[in-house]
């Protein structure tokens, strides 16, 4: 079981909830972060997750006295994965005399400039469940994320259309017309300019260009 290091100043309620979640706690005096989780990356190298927990009132107080950004800078500098948990259900725009854009600006700075993920939690119980879930995810065997979309395999018809579609001046409509008339790619390749010109939309110049692509040697 991964151990969660927790700052001794954290309230007993959240400590109790974390224990209920089956987590092993190591209570220490922490100068940085409120919770620290140690894990290993895909190359078996030790990684540390540093979590700063703020109630909505704490958050606003730390904005006023300018502690918040300093705390997050240190969090970012000292942990491989920094996280900010904002806890509470109060309306953040109404409990203090803050202009809403000031709060939005701070949140945007944290997410974009600092690149620190923000998790919104409803209560200390919710926070404990988030931490428990993070621990469980970190304990799972992980594979590198594949962000490339897998291409859907093309049908035979789609492959045939793509080949004819790549010929000079031939779009989707003409490709379909050619395949409907000649039935196969082989027949299109073996056709004469005159036969190609029987298709509406293919004139002498376009027919010559198609035959040139098919018949000239590769250089």
N, C-alpha and C. Protein backbone atom coordinates (compact mmCIF):
# COMPACT_ATOMS: atom_id res chain seq x y z
N UNK A 1 0.85 -1.20 0.00
CA UNK A 1 0.00 0.00 0.00
C UNK A 1 0.88 1.25 0.00
N UNK A 2 0.57 2.16 -0.91
CA UNK A 2 1.30 3.43 -0.98
C UNK A 2 1.00 4.26 0.25
N UNK A 3 2.04 4.84 0.82
CA UNK A 3 1.89 5.66 2.02
C UNK A 3 1.59 7.10 1.62
N UNK A 4 0.67 7.72 2.35
CA UNK A 4 0.39 9.14 2.14
C UNK A 4 1.01 9.93 3.28
N UNK A 5 1.94 10.81 2.94
CA UNK A 5 2.54 11.68 3.95
C UNK A 5 1.63 12.88 4.10
N UNK A 6 1.22 13.18 5.34
CA UNK A 6 0.27 14.25 5.59
C UNK A 6 0.83 15.22 6.62
N UNK A 7 0.62 16.50 6.37
CA UNK A 7 1.11 17.52 7.29
C UNK A 7 0.37 17.41 8.63
N UNK A 8 1.12 17.51 9.73
CA UNK A 8 0.53 17.32 11.06
C UNK A 8 -0.51 18.38 11.40
N UNK A 9 -0.50 19.50 10.68
CA UNK A 9 -1.47 20.56 10.95
C UNK A 9 -2.82 20.32 10.29
N UNK A 10 -2.90 19.33 9.42
CA UNK A 10 -4.19 19.04 8.80
C UNK A 10 -5.19 18.58 9.86
N UNK A 11 -6.44 18.96 9.68
CA UNK A 11 -7.48 18.68 10.68
C UNK A 11 -7.67 17.18 10.85
N UNK A 12 -8.02 16.77 12.08
CA UNK A 12 -8.19 15.35 12.38
C UNK A 12 -9.31 14.72 11.54
N UNK A 13 -10.29 15.54 11.12
CA UNK A 13 -11.40 14.99 10.33
C UNK A 13 -10.91 14.35 9.04
N UNK A 14 -10.02 15.05 8.33
CA UNK A 14 -9.55 14.49 7.06
C UNK A 14 -8.61 13.31 7.30
N UNK A 15 -7.86 13.35 8.40
CA UNK A 15 -7.00 12.20 8.74
C UNK A 15 -7.87 10.97 8.97
N UNK A 16 -8.97 11.17 9.71
CA UNK A 16 -9.88 10.06 10.00
C UNK A 16 -10.50 9.50 8.71
N UNK A 17 -10.88 10.39 7.80
CA UNK A 17 -11.49 9.96 6.55
C UNK A 17 -10.51 9.19 5.67
N UNK A 18 -9.24 9.64 5.66
CA UNK A 18 -8.23 8.94 4.87
C UNK A 18 -7.98 7.53 5.41
N UNK A 19 -8.01 7.40 6.73
CA UNK A 19 -7.84 6.07 7.35
C UNK A 19 -9.04 5.19 7.00
N UNK A 20 -10.25 5.78 7.00
CA UNK A 20 -11.45 5.04 6.60
C UNK A 20 -11.34 4.52 5.17
N UNK A 21 -10.64 5.29 4.34
CA UNK A 21 -10.44 4.89 2.94
C UNK A 21 -9.39 3.79 2.80
N UNK A 22 -8.80 3.39 3.93
CA UNK A 22 -7.83 2.30 3.92
C UNK A 22 -6.42 2.74 3.61
N UNK A 23 -6.14 4.05 3.73
CA UNK A 23 -4.80 4.56 3.42
C UNK A 23 -3.91 4.54 4.65
N UNK A 24 -2.64 4.25 4.41
CA UNK A 24 -1.64 4.30 5.48
C UNK A 24 -1.05 5.71 5.53
N UNK A 25 -1.15 6.36 6.69
CA UNK A 25 -0.70 7.74 6.82
C UNK A 25 0.64 7.82 7.54
N UNK A 26 1.45 8.75 7.08
CA UNK A 26 2.70 9.08 7.75
C UNK A 26 2.60 10.57 8.08
N UNK A 27 2.34 10.89 9.37
CA UNK A 27 2.08 12.27 9.77
C UNK A 27 3.40 12.96 10.12
N UNK A 28 3.69 14.05 9.40
CA UNK A 28 4.94 14.77 9.58
C UNK A 28 4.70 16.27 9.49
N UNK A 29 5.72 17.01 9.86
CA UNK A 29 5.68 18.46 9.62
C UNK A 29 6.19 18.70 8.20
N UNK A 30 5.32 19.21 7.37
CA UNK A 30 5.68 19.46 5.97
C UNK A 30 5.83 20.96 5.74
N UNK A 31 6.93 21.33 5.14
CA UNK A 31 7.15 22.74 4.79
C UNK A 31 6.50 23.08 3.45
N UNK A 32 6.35 22.06 2.61
CA UNK A 32 5.75 22.24 1.28
C UNK A 32 4.65 21.20 1.11
N UNK A 33 3.50 21.63 0.65
CA UNK A 33 2.34 20.77 0.37
C UNK A 33 1.67 20.31 1.67
N UNK A 34 0.44 19.85 1.50
CA UNK A 34 -0.33 19.31 2.63
C UNK A 34 -0.33 17.79 2.61
N UNK A 35 -0.17 17.22 1.42
CA UNK A 35 -0.12 15.77 1.27
C UNK A 35 0.95 15.45 0.23
N UNK A 36 1.69 14.37 0.49
CA UNK A 36 2.70 13.91 -0.47
C UNK A 36 2.47 12.41 -0.70
N UNK A 37 2.43 12.05 -1.97
CA UNK A 37 2.30 10.64 -2.35
C UNK A 37 3.51 10.28 -3.19
N UNK A 38 4.17 9.19 -2.83
CA UNK A 38 5.31 8.72 -3.63
C UNK A 38 4.85 7.57 -4.51
N UNK A 39 5.25 7.59 -5.76
CA UNK A 39 4.90 6.54 -6.69
C UNK A 39 6.07 6.30 -7.63
N UNK A 40 5.88 5.44 -8.62
CA UNK A 40 6.92 5.19 -9.62
C UNK A 40 6.32 5.43 -11.00
N UNK A 41 7.15 6.00 -11.90
CA UNK A 41 6.67 6.23 -13.25
C UNK A 41 6.81 4.94 -14.07
N UNK A 42 6.55 5.03 -15.38
CA UNK A 42 6.58 3.85 -16.24
C UNK A 42 7.97 3.25 -16.36
N UNK A 43 9.00 4.04 -16.05
CA UNK A 43 10.39 3.55 -16.10
C UNK A 43 10.90 3.14 -14.73
N UNK A 44 9.96 2.97 -13.77
CA UNK A 44 10.29 2.53 -12.41
C UNK A 44 11.08 3.57 -11.62
N UNK A 45 11.00 4.81 -12.05
CA UNK A 45 11.67 5.89 -11.34
C UNK A 45 10.71 6.53 -10.34
N UNK A 46 11.23 6.84 -9.14
CA UNK A 46 10.38 7.44 -8.09
C UNK A 46 9.84 8.79 -8.55
N UNK A 47 8.55 8.96 -8.36
CA UNK A 47 7.88 10.23 -8.65
C UNK A 47 7.14 10.67 -7.40
N UNK A 48 7.07 11.96 -7.19
CA UNK A 48 6.32 12.47 -6.03
C UNK A 48 5.16 13.34 -6.48
N UNK A 49 4.03 13.13 -5.83
CA UNK A 49 2.83 13.95 -6.06
C UNK A 49 2.69 14.86 -4.84
N UNK A 50 2.66 16.16 -5.07
CA UNK A 50 2.47 17.12 -3.98
C UNK A 50 1.10 17.76 -4.11
N UNK A 51 0.29 17.66 -3.05
CA UNK A 51 -1.08 18.19 -3.09
C UNK A 51 -1.22 19.34 -2.10
N UNK A 52 -1.63 20.48 -2.61
CA UNK A 52 -1.95 21.64 -1.77
C UNK A 52 -3.48 21.68 -1.65
N UNK A 53 -3.97 21.67 -0.41
CA UNK A 53 -5.42 21.68 -0.18
C UNK A 53 -5.84 23.03 0.37
N UNK A 54 -6.84 23.64 -0.27
CA UNK A 54 -7.34 24.94 0.18
C UNK A 54 -8.86 24.89 0.29
N UNK A 55 -9.39 25.28 1.44
CA UNK A 55 -10.82 25.55 1.47
C UNK A 55 -11.02 26.86 0.70
N UNK A 56 -12.26 27.17 0.35
CA UNK A 56 -12.51 28.38 -0.43
C UNK A 56 -12.07 29.61 0.35
N UNK A 57 -12.33 29.63 1.66
CA UNK A 57 -11.88 30.76 2.48
C UNK A 57 -10.36 30.85 2.53
N UNK A 58 -9.70 29.69 2.70
CA UNK A 58 -8.22 29.66 2.69
C UNK A 58 -7.69 30.21 1.38
N UNK A 59 -8.33 29.79 0.30
CA UNK A 59 -7.89 30.22 -1.03
C UNK A 59 -7.95 31.73 -1.15
N UNK A 60 -9.08 32.31 -0.77
CA UNK A 60 -9.24 33.76 -0.88
C UNK A 60 -8.28 34.50 0.04
N UNK A 61 -8.08 33.98 1.25
CA UNK A 61 -7.11 34.60 2.17
C UNK A 61 -5.71 34.57 1.59
N UNK A 62 -5.36 33.45 0.96
CA UNK A 62 -4.00 33.33 0.42
C UNK A 62 -3.81 34.17 -0.84
N UNK A 63 -4.93 34.51 -1.51
CA UNK A 63 -4.84 35.45 -2.63
C UNK A 63 -4.59 36.86 -2.09
N UNK A 64 -5.31 37.21 -1.00
CA UNK A 64 -5.18 38.55 -0.41
C UNK A 64 -3.76 38.79 0.09
N UNK A 65 -3.21 37.82 0.83
CA UNK A 65 -1.86 38.05 1.39
C UNK A 65 -0.74 37.56 0.48
N UNK A 66 -1.10 37.20 -0.75
CA UNK A 66 -0.15 36.84 -1.81
C UNK A 66 0.63 35.55 -1.51
N UNK A 67 0.11 34.72 -0.63
CA UNK A 67 0.79 33.45 -0.34
C UNK A 67 0.57 32.42 -1.43
N UNK A 68 -0.60 32.47 -2.06
CA UNK A 68 -1.01 31.38 -2.95
C UNK A 68 -0.01 31.14 -4.07
N UNK A 69 0.31 32.16 -4.83
CA UNK A 69 1.20 31.95 -5.98
C UNK A 69 2.59 31.51 -5.54
N UNK A 70 3.08 32.05 -4.42
CA UNK A 70 4.38 31.60 -3.91
C UNK A 70 4.34 30.13 -3.52
N UNK A 71 3.25 29.72 -2.86
CA UNK A 71 3.12 28.32 -2.47
C UNK A 71 3.09 27.41 -3.70
N UNK A 72 2.40 27.86 -4.75
CA UNK A 72 2.29 27.03 -5.95
C UNK A 72 3.59 26.98 -6.73
N UNK A 73 4.35 28.08 -6.71
CA UNK A 73 5.67 28.07 -7.36
C UNK A 73 6.56 27.03 -6.70
N UNK A 74 6.56 27.02 -5.37
CA UNK A 74 7.39 26.04 -4.62
C UNK A 74 6.88 24.63 -4.87
N UNK A 75 5.56 24.47 -4.92
CA UNK A 75 4.96 23.16 -5.19
C UNK A 75 5.42 22.63 -6.56
N UNK A 76 5.38 23.51 -7.55
CA UNK A 76 5.78 23.15 -8.91
C UNK A 76 7.27 22.80 -8.97
N UNK A 77 8.08 23.50 -8.22
CA UNK A 77 9.53 23.30 -8.25
C UNK A 77 9.96 22.00 -7.55
N UNK A 78 9.15 21.52 -6.61
CA UNK A 78 9.59 20.42 -5.75
C UNK A 78 8.91 19.08 -5.99
N UNK A 79 7.88 19.07 -6.84
CA UNK A 79 7.17 17.81 -7.05
C UNK A 79 7.03 17.52 -8.54
N UNK A 80 7.08 16.23 -8.87
CA UNK A 80 6.91 15.83 -10.26
C UNK A 80 5.48 16.10 -10.72
N UNK A 81 4.53 15.85 -9.82
CA UNK A 81 3.11 16.08 -10.14
C UNK A 81 2.51 16.96 -9.05
N UNK A 82 2.35 18.26 -9.32
CA UNK A 82 1.71 19.15 -8.35
C UNK A 82 0.20 19.20 -8.59
N UNK A 83 -0.57 19.23 -7.51
CA UNK A 83 -2.03 19.32 -7.62
C UNK A 83 -2.56 20.34 -6.62
N UNK A 84 -3.62 21.03 -7.00
CA UNK A 84 -4.31 21.94 -6.08
C UNK A 84 -5.74 21.44 -5.91
N UNK A 85 -6.13 21.18 -4.66
CA UNK A 85 -7.51 20.82 -4.37
C UNK A 85 -8.19 22.01 -3.70
N UNK A 86 -9.29 22.47 -4.31
CA UNK A 86 -10.08 23.57 -3.73
C UNK A 86 -11.35 22.95 -3.16
N UNK A 87 -11.55 23.16 -1.86
CA UNK A 87 -12.59 22.43 -1.13
C UNK A 87 -13.69 23.37 -0.63
N UNK A 88 -14.91 22.98 -0.88
CA UNK A 88 -16.04 23.76 -0.36
C UNK A 88 -17.11 23.97 -1.40
N UNK A 89 -18.33 24.24 -0.94
CA UNK A 89 -19.46 24.43 -1.85
C UNK A 89 -19.97 25.87 -1.85
N UNK A 90 -19.31 26.75 -1.13
CA UNK A 90 -19.74 28.15 -1.11
C UNK A 90 -19.53 28.77 -2.49
N UNK A 91 -20.30 29.82 -2.74
CA UNK A 91 -20.13 30.58 -3.99
C UNK A 91 -18.90 31.46 -3.83
N UNK A 92 -17.84 31.10 -4.54
CA UNK A 92 -16.55 31.79 -4.39
C UNK A 92 -16.63 33.27 -4.75
N UNK A 93 -17.62 33.63 -5.57
CA UNK A 93 -17.74 35.02 -6.02
C UNK A 93 -18.51 35.90 -5.03
N UNK A 94 -19.15 35.27 -4.02
CA UNK A 94 -20.01 36.05 -3.14
C UNK A 94 -19.54 36.14 -1.69
N UNK A 95 -18.63 35.27 -1.27
CA UNK A 95 -18.29 35.28 0.16
C UNK A 95 -17.25 36.35 0.52
N UNK A 96 -16.62 36.94 -0.47
CA UNK A 96 -15.70 38.04 -0.23
C UNK A 96 -15.92 39.13 -1.28
N UNK A 97 -15.42 40.32 -1.01
CA UNK A 97 -15.59 41.43 -1.94
C UNK A 97 -14.49 41.38 -3.01
N UNK A 98 -14.55 40.32 -3.83
CA UNK A 98 -13.58 40.13 -4.90
C UNK A 98 -14.29 40.36 -6.23
N UNK A 99 -13.61 41.02 -7.16
CA UNK A 99 -14.18 41.11 -8.50
C UNK A 99 -14.05 39.72 -9.14
N UNK A 100 -15.12 39.19 -9.71
CA UNK A 100 -15.08 37.84 -10.31
C UNK A 100 -13.92 37.63 -11.27
N UNK A 101 -13.57 38.68 -12.05
CA UNK A 101 -12.47 38.52 -13.01
C UNK A 101 -11.12 38.33 -12.32
N UNK A 102 -10.97 38.86 -11.09
CA UNK A 102 -9.73 38.64 -10.34
C UNK A 102 -9.57 37.17 -10.01
N UNK A 103 -10.67 36.56 -9.58
CA UNK A 103 -10.63 35.13 -9.24
C UNK A 103 -10.41 34.30 -10.49
N UNK A 104 -11.12 34.65 -11.55
CA UNK A 104 -10.94 33.91 -12.81
C UNK A 104 -9.49 34.04 -13.31
N UNK A 105 -8.92 35.22 -13.16
CA UNK A 105 -7.54 35.44 -13.59
C UNK A 105 -6.56 34.56 -12.83
N UNK A 106 -6.77 34.45 -11.51
CA UNK A 106 -5.90 33.59 -10.68
C UNK A 106 -6.02 32.14 -11.13
N UNK A 107 -7.26 31.68 -11.33
CA UNK A 107 -7.49 30.28 -11.73
C UNK A 107 -6.85 30.00 -13.10
N UNK A 108 -6.97 30.96 -14.01
CA UNK A 108 -6.36 30.79 -15.34
C UNK A 108 -4.84 30.74 -15.23
N UNK A 109 -4.28 31.58 -14.37
CA UNK A 109 -2.82 31.59 -14.16
C UNK A 109 -2.33 30.25 -13.64
N UNK A 110 -3.08 29.70 -12.67
CA UNK A 110 -2.69 28.40 -12.08
C UNK A 110 -2.73 27.31 -13.13
N UNK A 111 -3.81 27.27 -13.91
CA UNK A 111 -3.99 26.19 -14.88
C UNK A 111 -3.11 26.33 -16.10
N UNK A 112 -2.95 27.57 -16.61
CA UNK A 112 -2.23 27.77 -17.87
C UNK A 112 -0.76 28.10 -17.66
N UNK A 113 -0.47 29.12 -16.83
CA UNK A 113 0.92 29.55 -16.64
C UNK A 113 1.70 28.56 -15.78
N UNK A 114 1.08 28.12 -14.68
CA UNK A 114 1.77 27.18 -13.78
C UNK A 114 1.59 25.74 -14.22
N UNK A 115 0.56 25.49 -15.03
CA UNK A 115 0.22 24.13 -15.48
C UNK A 115 0.04 23.18 -14.29
N UNK A 116 -0.69 23.66 -13.30
CA UNK A 116 -1.03 22.85 -12.13
C UNK A 116 -2.51 22.49 -12.23
N UNK A 117 -2.84 21.19 -12.26
CA UNK A 117 -4.24 20.79 -12.31
C UNK A 117 -4.98 21.21 -11.04
N UNK A 118 -6.25 21.59 -11.21
CA UNK A 118 -7.10 21.99 -10.09
C UNK A 118 -8.23 20.98 -9.96
N UNK A 119 -8.41 20.45 -8.75
CA UNK A 119 -9.53 19.54 -8.46
C UNK A 119 -10.47 20.26 -7.50
N UNK A 120 -11.75 20.28 -7.84
CA UNK A 120 -12.75 20.91 -6.97
C UNK A 120 -13.44 19.84 -6.14
N UNK A 121 -13.37 20.02 -4.82
CA UNK A 121 -13.93 19.04 -3.89
C UNK A 121 -15.03 19.70 -3.06
N UNK A 122 -16.07 18.95 -2.72
CA UNK A 122 -17.20 19.53 -1.99
C UNK A 122 -16.94 19.64 -0.49
N UNK A 123 -16.12 18.74 0.07
CA UNK A 123 -15.93 18.70 1.53
C UNK A 123 -14.66 17.92 1.84
N UNK A 124 -14.31 17.85 3.14
CA UNK A 124 -13.11 17.10 3.53
C UNK A 124 -13.30 15.61 3.21
N UNK A 125 -14.55 15.12 3.29
CA UNK A 125 -14.81 13.73 2.94
C UNK A 125 -14.57 13.49 1.45
N UNK A 126 -15.02 14.44 0.65
CA UNK A 126 -14.81 14.36 -0.79
C UNK A 126 -13.32 14.42 -1.12
N UNK A 127 -12.60 15.29 -0.43
CA UNK A 127 -11.15 15.39 -0.63
C UNK A 127 -10.46 14.07 -0.31
N UNK A 128 -10.86 13.43 0.79
CA UNK A 128 -10.28 12.14 1.17
C UNK A 128 -10.52 11.09 0.10
N UNK A 129 -11.71 11.13 -0.49
CA UNK A 129 -12.02 10.16 -1.54
C UNK A 129 -11.19 10.43 -2.80
N UNK A 130 -10.98 11.71 -3.11
CA UNK A 130 -10.13 12.05 -4.25
C UNK A 130 -8.70 11.53 -4.03
N UNK A 131 -8.16 11.77 -2.83
CA UNK A 131 -6.79 11.33 -2.53
C UNK A 131 -6.69 9.82 -2.61
N UNK A 132 -7.72 9.13 -2.06
CA UNK A 132 -7.75 7.67 -2.11
C UNK A 132 -7.77 7.18 -3.56
N UNK A 133 -8.57 7.83 -4.39
CA UNK A 133 -8.66 7.45 -5.81
C UNK A 133 -7.33 7.69 -6.53
N UNK A 134 -6.67 8.82 -6.21
CA UNK A 134 -5.37 9.12 -6.83
C UNK A 134 -4.35 8.05 -6.46
N UNK A 135 -4.34 7.64 -5.17
CA UNK A 135 -3.42 6.59 -4.72
C UNK A 135 -3.68 5.30 -5.49
N UNK A 136 -4.95 4.93 -5.61
CA UNK A 136 -5.28 3.67 -6.29
C UNK A 136 -4.88 3.71 -7.76
N UNK A 137 -5.06 4.86 -8.39
CA UNK A 137 -4.66 4.98 -9.81
C UNK A 137 -3.15 4.87 -9.95
N UNK A 138 -2.43 5.45 -9.00
CA UNK A 138 -0.97 5.41 -9.06
C UNK A 138 -0.43 4.01 -8.81
N UNK A 139 -1.19 3.19 -8.07
CA UNK A 139 -0.75 1.83 -7.76
C UNK A 139 -1.00 0.86 -8.91
N UNK A 140 -1.89 1.25 -9.83
CA UNK A 140 -2.18 0.38 -10.95
C UNK A 140 -1.00 0.33 -11.92
N UNK A 141 -0.87 -0.80 -12.61
CA UNK A 141 0.13 -0.89 -13.68
C UNK A 141 -0.36 0.00 -14.82
N UNK A 142 0.48 0.97 -15.18
CA UNK A 142 0.07 1.93 -16.20
C UNK A 142 0.81 1.72 -17.51
N UNK A 143 0.15 2.06 -18.58
CA UNK A 143 0.75 1.99 -19.90
C UNK A 143 0.83 3.40 -20.46
N UNK A 144 1.79 3.66 -21.35
CA UNK A 144 1.85 5.00 -21.95
C UNK A 144 0.55 5.32 -22.67
N UNK A 145 0.10 6.56 -22.50
CA UNK A 145 -1.13 6.98 -23.17
C UNK A 145 -0.88 7.11 -24.67
N UNK A 146 -1.76 6.52 -25.45
CA UNK A 146 -1.69 6.67 -26.90
C UNK A 146 -2.72 7.71 -27.31
N UNK A 147 -2.25 8.92 -27.61
CA UNK A 147 -3.17 10.01 -27.94
C UNK A 147 -3.51 10.06 -29.42
N UNK A 148 -2.91 9.15 -30.20
CA UNK A 148 -3.20 9.11 -31.64
C UNK A 148 -4.47 8.30 -31.87
N UNK A 149 -5.37 8.86 -32.62
CA UNK A 149 -6.60 8.15 -32.95
C UNK A 149 -6.28 6.99 -33.90
N UNK A 150 -6.86 5.84 -33.61
CA UNK A 150 -6.66 4.70 -34.50
C UNK A 150 -7.50 4.90 -35.76
N UNK A 151 -6.84 4.73 -36.90
CA UNK A 151 -7.56 4.90 -38.16
C UNK A 151 -8.45 3.69 -38.41
N UNK A 152 -9.67 3.99 -38.82
CA UNK A 152 -10.60 2.93 -39.16
C UNK A 152 -10.13 2.27 -40.46
N UNK A 153 -10.15 0.93 -40.47
CA UNK A 153 -9.74 0.20 -41.67
C UNK A 153 -10.70 0.53 -42.82
N UNK A 154 -10.13 0.82 -43.98
CA UNK A 154 -10.94 1.17 -45.14
C UNK A 154 -11.53 -0.08 -45.78
N UNK A 155 -12.75 0.05 -46.29
CA UNK A 155 -13.35 -1.05 -47.04
C UNK A 155 -12.66 -1.15 -48.40
N UNK A 156 -12.89 -2.26 -49.10
CA UNK A 156 -12.29 -2.44 -50.43
C UNK A 156 -12.76 -1.32 -51.36
N UNK A 157 -14.05 -0.98 -51.29
CA UNK A 157 -14.60 0.08 -52.13
C UNK A 157 -13.89 1.40 -51.86
N UNK A 158 -13.68 1.72 -50.57
CA UNK A 158 -13.02 2.98 -50.20
C UNK A 158 -11.57 3.00 -50.69
N UNK A 159 -10.89 1.85 -50.59
CA UNK A 159 -9.51 1.77 -51.08
C UNK A 159 -9.45 1.99 -52.60
N UNK A 160 -10.38 1.39 -53.32
CA UNK A 160 -10.42 1.55 -54.78
C UNK A 160 -10.69 3.00 -55.16
N UNK A 161 -11.65 3.62 -54.48
CA UNK A 161 -11.96 5.02 -54.76
C UNK A 161 -10.77 5.92 -54.47
N UNK A 162 -10.05 5.64 -53.37
CA UNK A 162 -8.87 6.45 -53.02
C UNK A 162 -7.80 6.39 -54.09
N UNK A 163 -7.59 5.19 -54.65
CA UNK A 163 -6.56 5.04 -55.69
C UNK A 163 -6.93 5.86 -56.92
N UNK A 164 -8.17 5.74 -57.38
CA UNK A 164 -8.59 6.48 -58.58
C UNK A 164 -8.68 7.98 -58.29
N UNK A 165 -9.09 8.29 -57.07
CA UNK A 165 -9.21 9.69 -56.64
C UNK A 165 -7.87 10.42 -56.68
N UNK A 166 -6.76 9.66 -56.59
CA UNK A 166 -5.43 10.28 -56.57
C UNK A 166 -4.93 10.63 -57.98
N UNK A 167 -5.64 10.23 -59.00
CA UNK A 167 -5.23 10.55 -60.37
C UNK A 167 -5.50 12.03 -60.66
N UNK A 168 -4.75 12.63 -61.58
CA UNK A 168 -4.87 14.07 -61.84
C UNK A 168 -6.27 14.48 -62.27
N UNK A 169 -6.84 15.47 -61.56
CA UNK A 169 -8.13 16.03 -61.92
C UNK A 169 -9.33 15.15 -61.59
N UNK A 170 -9.10 14.06 -60.85
CA UNK A 170 -10.19 13.13 -60.55
C UNK A 170 -10.62 13.33 -59.09
N UNK A 171 -11.85 13.73 -58.90
CA UNK A 171 -12.42 13.84 -57.56
C UNK A 171 -13.26 12.62 -57.25
N UNK A 172 -13.99 12.71 -56.15
CA UNK A 172 -14.80 11.58 -55.69
C UNK A 172 -15.86 11.17 -56.72
N UNK A 173 -16.53 12.17 -57.30
CA UNK A 173 -17.62 11.86 -58.25
C UNK A 173 -17.09 11.17 -59.50
N UNK A 174 -15.98 11.71 -60.05
CA UNK A 174 -15.40 11.09 -61.26
C UNK A 174 -14.83 9.71 -60.95
N UNK A 175 -14.26 9.54 -59.76
CA UNK A 175 -13.71 8.23 -59.39
C UNK A 175 -14.83 7.19 -59.37
N UNK A 176 -15.97 7.57 -58.81
CA UNK A 176 -17.11 6.65 -58.78
C UNK A 176 -17.61 6.35 -60.19
N UNK A 177 -17.68 7.38 -61.03
CA UNK A 177 -18.13 7.19 -62.42
C UNK A 177 -17.21 6.24 -63.18
N UNK A 178 -15.90 6.41 -63.00
CA UNK A 178 -14.92 5.54 -63.68
C UNK A 178 -15.05 4.09 -63.23
N UNK A 179 -15.17 3.89 -61.93
CA UNK A 179 -15.25 2.52 -61.41
C UNK A 179 -16.57 1.86 -61.80
N UNK A 180 -17.64 2.64 -61.86
CA UNK A 180 -18.92 2.08 -62.27
C UNK A 180 -18.88 1.64 -63.73
N UNK A 181 -18.21 2.44 -64.57
CA UNK A 181 -18.14 2.10 -66.00
C UNK A 181 -17.17 0.95 -66.27
N UNK A 182 -15.94 1.05 -65.71
CA UNK A 182 -14.89 0.08 -66.04
C UNK A 182 -14.84 -1.12 -65.07
N UNK A 183 -15.54 -1.02 -63.96
CA UNK A 183 -15.69 -2.11 -62.98
C UNK A 183 -14.47 -2.38 -62.11
N UNK A 184 -13.27 -2.15 -62.64
CA UNK A 184 -12.07 -2.43 -61.84
C UNK A 184 -10.99 -1.40 -62.14
N UNK A 185 -10.01 -1.29 -61.22
CA UNK A 185 -8.88 -0.38 -61.41
C UNK A 185 -8.05 -0.84 -62.61
N UNK A 186 -7.91 -2.17 -62.75
CA UNK A 186 -7.13 -2.72 -63.87
C UNK A 186 -7.72 -2.27 -65.21
N UNK A 187 -9.03 -2.32 -65.33
CA UNK A 187 -9.70 -1.92 -66.57
C UNK A 187 -9.51 -0.44 -66.86
N UNK A 188 -9.54 0.38 -65.81
CA UNK A 188 -9.32 1.82 -65.99
C UNK A 188 -7.91 2.07 -66.51
N UNK A 189 -6.93 1.39 -65.92
CA UNK A 189 -5.53 1.55 -66.32
C UNK A 189 -5.33 1.12 -67.78
N UNK A 190 -6.03 0.05 -68.17
CA UNK A 190 -5.86 -0.48 -69.54
C UNK A 190 -6.71 0.24 -70.58
N UNK A 191 -7.54 1.17 -70.15
CA UNK A 191 -8.43 1.86 -71.10
C UNK A 191 -7.64 2.86 -71.95
N UNK A 192 -8.23 3.23 -73.06
CA UNK A 192 -7.61 4.22 -73.95
C UNK A 192 -8.10 5.62 -73.58
N UNK A 193 -7.43 6.62 -74.15
CA UNK A 193 -7.86 7.99 -73.91
C UNK A 193 -9.30 8.18 -74.39
N UNK A 194 -9.61 7.58 -75.53
CA UNK A 194 -10.94 7.72 -76.10
C UNK A 194 -11.99 7.15 -75.14
N UNK A 195 -11.70 6.01 -74.55
CA UNK A 195 -12.63 5.38 -73.61
C UNK A 195 -12.80 6.23 -72.34
N UNK A 196 -11.69 6.80 -71.89
CA UNK A 196 -11.76 7.66 -70.71
C UNK A 196 -12.64 8.88 -70.97
N UNK A 197 -12.55 9.39 -72.21
CA UNK A 197 -13.29 10.60 -72.57
C UNK A 197 -14.80 10.35 -72.69
N UNK A 198 -15.20 9.09 -72.63
CA UNK A 198 -16.63 8.77 -72.65
C UNK A 198 -17.31 9.12 -71.32
N UNK A 199 -16.47 9.32 -70.28
CA UNK A 199 -17.00 9.69 -68.96
C UNK A 199 -17.23 11.20 -68.93
N UNK A 200 -18.43 11.61 -68.54
CA UNK A 200 -18.74 13.04 -68.43
C UNK A 200 -17.82 13.69 -67.41
N UNK A 201 -17.14 14.75 -67.87
CA UNK A 201 -16.22 15.45 -66.98
C UNK A 201 -14.76 15.18 -67.31
N UNK A 202 -14.52 14.22 -68.19
CA UNK A 202 -13.13 13.93 -68.60
C UNK A 202 -12.98 14.32 -70.07
N UNK A 203 -12.23 15.38 -70.31
CA UNK A 203 -11.95 15.82 -71.68
C UNK A 203 -10.61 15.28 -72.15
N UNK A 204 -10.18 15.75 -73.32
CA UNK A 204 -8.94 15.26 -73.93
C UNK A 204 -7.73 15.51 -73.04
N UNK A 205 -7.61 16.75 -72.49
CA UNK A 205 -6.44 17.11 -71.68
C UNK A 205 -6.37 16.25 -70.42
N UNK A 206 -7.51 16.09 -69.77
CA UNK A 206 -7.52 15.30 -68.53
C UNK A 206 -7.21 13.84 -68.82
N UNK A 207 -7.77 13.32 -69.95
CA UNK A 207 -7.49 11.93 -70.33
C UNK A 207 -6.01 11.73 -70.61
N UNK A 208 -5.37 12.70 -71.29
CA UNK A 208 -3.93 12.62 -71.57
C UNK A 208 -3.11 12.61 -70.28
N UNK A 209 -3.51 13.46 -69.34
CA UNK A 209 -2.78 13.52 -68.06
C UNK A 209 -2.89 12.20 -67.30
N UNK A 210 -4.07 11.60 -67.32
CA UNK A 210 -4.25 10.30 -66.63
C UNK A 210 -3.37 9.25 -67.28
N UNK A 211 -3.37 9.17 -68.59
CA UNK A 211 -2.56 8.16 -69.28
C UNK A 211 -1.06 8.41 -69.07
N UNK A 212 -0.69 9.68 -68.99
CA UNK A 212 0.71 10.02 -68.75
C UNK A 212 1.16 9.48 -67.39
N UNK A 213 0.34 9.68 -66.38
CA UNK A 213 0.67 9.18 -65.02
C UNK A 213 0.77 7.66 -65.03
N UNK A 214 -0.13 6.99 -65.79
CA UNK A 214 -0.18 5.52 -65.79
C UNK A 214 0.99 4.93 -66.58
N UNK A 215 1.33 5.54 -67.72
CA UNK A 215 2.22 4.87 -68.68
C UNK A 215 3.66 5.33 -68.68
N UNK A 216 3.95 6.57 -68.21
CA UNK A 216 5.35 7.04 -68.28
C UNK A 216 6.21 6.38 -67.22
N UNK A 217 7.49 6.18 -67.62
CA UNK A 217 8.45 5.56 -66.69
C UNK A 217 8.70 6.45 -65.48
N UNK A 218 8.96 5.81 -64.34
CA UNK A 218 9.29 6.54 -63.12
C UNK A 218 10.72 7.04 -63.22
N UNK A 219 10.94 8.34 -62.92
CA UNK A 219 12.30 8.89 -63.00
C UNK A 219 12.70 9.44 -61.65
